[in-house]
Amino acid sequence: MKTINHLLLILTLCSLSIVALAQSGDYQGSTYYHQRESLFRTLPVQNGAVVFLGNSITDGGEWGELFPDQKVLNRGISGDVTLGVLHRLDEVIRHQPSKVFLLIGINDLARGRSKDEICHNIFQIVREIQQQSPATQIYVQSILPINDQYDRFKALVNMGDEIIRINNELEQHAAEGGYTYIDLHSEMIDGLGRLRDDFTNDGLHLMGAAYQRWADILRKLL
């Protein structure tokens, strides 16, 4: 029992350290990251908004036009990672959003972070929202597939299986973690398990048809 309690204490301290690092003023994001974050912080609070939170894939979506009947905020930042989301999560939470749709992790993989670290940080993002905005419904979306044949993002070549492993863990943890898991991955793949050719022109980022498919999947949840 002492050993179990000791391990739980270590995990708790690690989680607190990650949050403290991410929320510190020393977080090293890109210039674009800080441009976008600084803009978000100047904008007025939109209580009860639906927030789309993530990296370039979220950033590229015109969510307000895809869901014109909803009060929608796009909080995607190109190049963002799980620690970047943790760093700026207070800006999202100040809106006390009705729903948060989170998609993050592909850039962590590109930077060599492990499945366990990525999932741990995603679970921490969820816990922070739950603690500070308890009425918010949280949707964790699967990491999308990639298409290696474009050979544009060399750090992600042969990462297809790792993406599936992360998605499996996100799905398996959903009930315990108190969030809804959304499987976008299986909706975006071709017969070889790659991001469909008509959904991308670089192997990673999305074309209009993919955003329309994504919106169709989410529409029943809004």
Protein backbone atom coordinates (compact mmCIF):
# COMPACT_ATOMS: atom_id res chain seq x y z
CA MET A 1 0.00 0.00 0.00
CA LYS A 2 2.86 2.37 0.84
CA THR A 3 4.39 1.68 -2.58
CA ILE A 4 1.09 2.45 -4.36
CA ASN A 5 0.64 5.67 -2.38
CA HIS A 6 4.21 6.68 -3.18
CA LEU A 7 3.61 6.12 -6.90
CA LEU A 8 0.38 8.13 -6.78
CA LEU A 9 2.23 10.98 -5.07
CA ILE A 10 4.93 10.93 -7.76
CA LEU A 11 2.32 11.01 -10.55
CA THR A 12 0.50 13.89 -8.86
CA LEU A 13 3.70 15.90 -8.47
CA CYS A 14 4.63 15.22 -12.10
CA SER A 15 1.23 16.47 -13.25
CA LEU A 16 1.56 19.63 -11.17
CA SER A 17 5.05 20.21 -12.55
CA ILE A 18 3.82 19.87 -16.14
CA VAL A 19 1.00 22.36 -15.54
CA ALA A 20 3.33 24.80 -13.80
CA LEU A 21 5.82 24.59 -16.66
CA ALA A 22 3.17 25.00 -19.31
CA GLN A 23 1.53 27.97 -17.60
CA SER A 24 4.76 29.76 -16.77
CA GLY A 25 5.81 32.85 -18.68
CA ASP A 26 8.89 30.94 -19.85
CA TYR A 27 6.98 28.70 -22.26
CA GLN A 28 8.80 28.75 -25.60
CA GLY A 29 6.25 28.80 -28.39
CA SER A 30 6.76 30.00 -31.94
CA THR A 31 6.33 33.64 -32.95
CA TYR A 32 3.03 32.66 -34.56
CA TYR A 33 1.94 30.95 -31.36
CA HIS A 34 2.50 34.13 -29.37
CA GLN A 35 0.85 36.28 -32.03
CA ARG A 36 -2.30 34.18 -31.90
CA GLU A 37 -2.30 33.77 -28.14
CA SER A 38 -1.92 37.50 -27.60
CA LEU A 39 -4.83 38.16 -29.96
CA PHE A 40 -7.07 35.66 -28.18
CA ARG A 41 -6.38 37.37 -24.86
CA THR A 42 -7.48 40.78 -26.18
CA LEU A 43 -10.86 39.49 -27.36
CA PRO A 44 -14.00 39.76 -25.19
CA VAL A 45 -15.31 36.87 -23.15
CA GLN A 46 -17.95 34.81 -24.96
CA ASN A 47 -19.72 32.94 -22.18
CA GLY A 48 -20.99 29.53 -23.21
CA ALA A 49 -19.26 29.49 -26.59
CA VAL A 50 -18.29 26.31 -28.41
CA VAL A 51 -14.49 26.21 -28.56
CA PHE A 52 -12.41 24.37 -31.15
CA LEU A 53 -8.99 23.88 -29.58
CA GLY A 54 -5.86 22.52 -31.21
CA ASN A 55 -3.11 23.04 -33.78
CA SER A 56 -2.98 23.98 -37.47
CA ILE A 57 -5.65 21.46 -38.41
CA THR A 58 -8.11 23.25 -36.13
CA ASP A 59 -6.65 26.65 -36.99
CA GLY A 60 -7.47 26.06 -40.66
CA GLY A 61 -11.18 25.47 -40.09
CA GLU A 62 -13.72 28.24 -40.66
CA TRP A 63 -15.82 26.95 -37.80
CA GLY A 64 -18.15 29.93 -37.58
CA GLU A 65 -19.17 29.40 -41.20
CA LEU A 66 -19.37 25.63 -40.87
CA PHE A 67 -21.66 26.07 -37.86
CA PRO A 68 -23.39 29.41 -38.47
CA ASP A 69 -26.07 28.81 -35.84
CA GLN A 70 -23.53 28.39 -33.04
CA LYS A 71 -21.43 30.83 -31.05
CA VAL A 72 -18.06 29.37 -32.04
CA LEU A 73 -14.48 30.29 -31.12
CA ASN A 74 -11.51 28.99 -33.10
CA ARG A 75 -8.63 28.44 -30.71
CA GLY A 76 -6.37 26.52 -33.04
CA ILE A 77 -2.75 27.61 -33.39
CA SER A 78 -0.58 26.23 -36.16
CA GLY A 79 2.32 24.19 -34.80
CA ASP A 80 0.87 23.87 -31.31
CA VAL A 81 1.59 20.96 -28.98
CA THR A 82 0.01 19.63 -25.80
CA LEU A 83 2.15 21.82 -23.53
CA GLY A 84 1.24 24.85 -25.64
CA VAL A 85 -2.44 24.16 -25.08
CA LEU A 86 -1.85 23.81 -21.34
CA HIS A 87 0.00 27.12 -21.32
CA ARG A 88 -2.93 29.01 -22.83
CA LEU A 89 -5.79 26.99 -21.37
CA ASP A 90 -6.80 29.76 -18.98
CA GLU A 91 -7.78 31.88 -21.98
CA VAL A 92 -10.17 29.13 -23.10
CA ILE A 93 -11.54 28.51 -19.63
CA ARG A 94 -12.39 32.20 -19.06
CA HIS A 95 -15.23 31.76 -21.56
CA GLN A 96 -16.74 28.93 -19.49
CA PRO A 97 -17.47 27.20 -22.81
CA SER A 98 -20.50 24.99 -23.28
CA LYS A 99 -18.37 22.57 -25.28
CA VAL A 100 -14.69 22.12 -26.10
CA PHE A 101 -13.58 20.08 -29.09
CA LEU A 102 -9.90 19.22 -28.59
CA LEU A 103 -7.60 17.87 -31.31
CA ILE A 104 -3.89 17.86 -30.42
CA GLY A 105 -0.85 15.61 -30.49
CA ILE A 106 0.47 15.25 -34.04
CA ASN A 107 3.14 17.93 -33.53
CA ASP A 108 4.18 16.27 -30.27
CA LEU A 109 4.81 13.09 -32.25
CA ALA A 110 6.83 15.03 -34.81
CA ARG A 111 9.00 16.35 -31.98
CA GLY A 112 9.70 12.88 -30.63
CA ARG A 113 7.38 12.83 -27.65
CA SER A 114 6.15 9.42 -26.55
CA LYS A 115 2.60 8.09 -26.62
CA ASP A 116 2.49 8.09 -22.82
CA GLU A 117 3.62 11.71 -22.56
CA ILE A 118 1.14 12.87 -25.20
CA CYS A 119 -1.79 11.05 -23.59
CA HIS A 120 -0.78 12.23 -20.12
CA ASN A 121 -0.79 15.85 -21.27
CA ILE A 122 -4.14 15.46 -23.04
CA PHE A 123 -5.64 13.96 -19.88
CA GLN A 124 -4.22 16.90 -17.93
CA ILE A 125 -5.87 19.36 -20.34
CA VAL A 126 -9.18 17.59 -19.74
CA ARG A 127 -8.76 17.67 -15.95
CA GLU A 128 -7.93 21.38 -15.96
CA ILE A 129 -11.08 22.18 -17.91
CA GLN A 130 -13.19 19.95 -15.68
CA GLN A 131 -11.87 21.58 -12.53
CA GLN A 132 -12.20 25.20 -13.67
CA SER A 133 -15.25 24.96 -15.97
CA PRO A 134 -17.23 22.00 -14.63
CA ALA A 135 -20.29 22.56 -16.86
CA THR A 136 -18.22 22.26 -20.05
CA GLN A 137 -18.76 19.17 -22.18
CA ILE A 138 -15.37 17.97 -23.41
CA TYR A 139 -14.84 16.12 -26.67
CA VAL A 140 -11.41 14.62 -27.33
CA GLN A 141 -10.99 13.96 -31.03
CA SER A 142 -8.69 11.32 -32.43
CA ILE A 143 -5.43 12.35 -34.05
CA LEU A 144 -6.01 12.32 -37.79
CA PRO A 145 -4.20 9.97 -40.16
CA ILE A 146 -1.33 11.16 -42.32
CA ASN A 147 -0.39 10.30 -45.89
CA ASP A 148 3.30 9.41 -46.22
CA GLN A 149 3.32 9.40 -50.01
CA TYR A 150 3.64 13.20 -50.09
CA ASP A 151 6.95 12.98 -48.19
CA ARG A 152 6.50 16.51 -46.84
CA PHE A 153 6.67 15.85 -43.11
CA LYS A 154 9.59 13.49 -42.67
CA ALA A 155 9.33 13.37 -38.87
CA LEU A 156 5.89 11.79 -39.25
CA VAL A 157 6.81 9.13 -41.82
CA ASN A 158 5.84 5.66 -40.55
CA MET A 159 3.98 7.15 -37.57
CA GLY A 160 0.64 5.68 -38.60
CA ASP A 161 0.75 2.84 -36.06
CA GLU A 162 1.76 5.20 -33.25
CA ILE A 163 -1.17 7.49 -34.08
CA ILE A 164 -3.49 4.48 -33.80
CA ARG A 165 -1.98 3.51 -30.43
CA ILE A 166 -2.54 7.02 -29.08
CA ASN A 167 -6.10 7.07 -30.38
CA ASN A 168 -6.81 3.69 -28.79
CA GLU A 169 -5.66 4.97 -25.42
CA LEU A 170 -7.71 8.15 -25.76
CA GLU A 171 -10.78 6.06 -26.54
CA GLN A 172 -10.20 3.57 -23.74
CA HIS A 173 -9.73 6.34 -21.17
CA ALA A 174 -12.87 8.28 -22.14
CA ALA A 175 -15.30 6.85 -19.58
CA GLU A 176 -12.80 7.13 -16.73
CA GLY A 177 -11.67 10.57 -17.88
CA GLY A 178 -15.18 11.99 -18.14
CA TYR A 179 -15.00 13.09 -21.78
CA THR A 180 -16.51 11.97 -25.08
CA TYR A 181 -14.12 10.45 -27.59
CA ILE A 182 -14.71 11.21 -31.29
CA ASP A 183 -13.17 8.91 -33.88
CA LEU A 184 -12.26 11.13 -36.81
CA HIS A 185 -9.40 8.87 -37.87
CA SER A 186 -11.50 6.07 -39.34
CA GLU A 187 -13.62 8.62 -41.21
CA MET A 188 -10.61 10.13 -42.99
CA ILE A 189 -8.61 7.08 -44.13
CA ASP A 190 -8.32 5.37 -47.49
CA GLY A 191 -8.07 1.61 -48.06
CA LEU A 192 -4.40 1.67 -47.03
CA GLY A 193 -5.02 3.48 -43.74
CA ARG A 194 -3.67 6.81 -45.02
CA LEU A 195 -5.30 10.22 -45.06
CA ARG A 196 -7.42 10.23 -48.19
CA ASP A 197 -5.90 11.90 -51.24
CA ASP A 198 -8.97 14.06 -51.78
CA PHE A 199 -8.74 15.27 -48.16
CA THR A 200 -5.16 16.63 -48.34
CA ASN A 201 -2.61 18.16 -50.69
CA ASP A 202 0.44 17.78 -48.46
CA GLY A 203 -0.18 14.60 -46.46
CA LEU A 204 -1.12 16.32 -43.19
CA HIS A 205 -3.29 19.41 -43.60
CA LEU A 206 -6.87 19.32 -44.80
CA MET A 207 -8.70 20.34 -47.92
CA GLY A 208 -12.24 21.68 -47.94
CA ALA A 209 -13.86 18.27 -48.44
CA ALA A 210 -12.22 17.01 -45.25
CA TYR A 211 -13.51 19.95 -43.21
CA GLN A 212 -16.99 19.32 -44.58
CA ARG A 213 -16.75 15.65 -43.55
CA TRP A 214 -15.47 16.68 -40.13
CA ALA A 215 -18.35 19.11 -39.70
CA ASP A 216 -20.83 16.41 -40.70
CA ILE A 217 -19.46 14.16 -37.95
CA LEU A 218 -19.74 16.88 -35.31
CA ARG A 219 -23.07 18.34 -36.37
CA LYS A 220 -25.11 15.90 -34.31
CA LEU A 221 -23.17 16.96 -31.20
CA LEU A 222 -23.88 20.69 -31.60
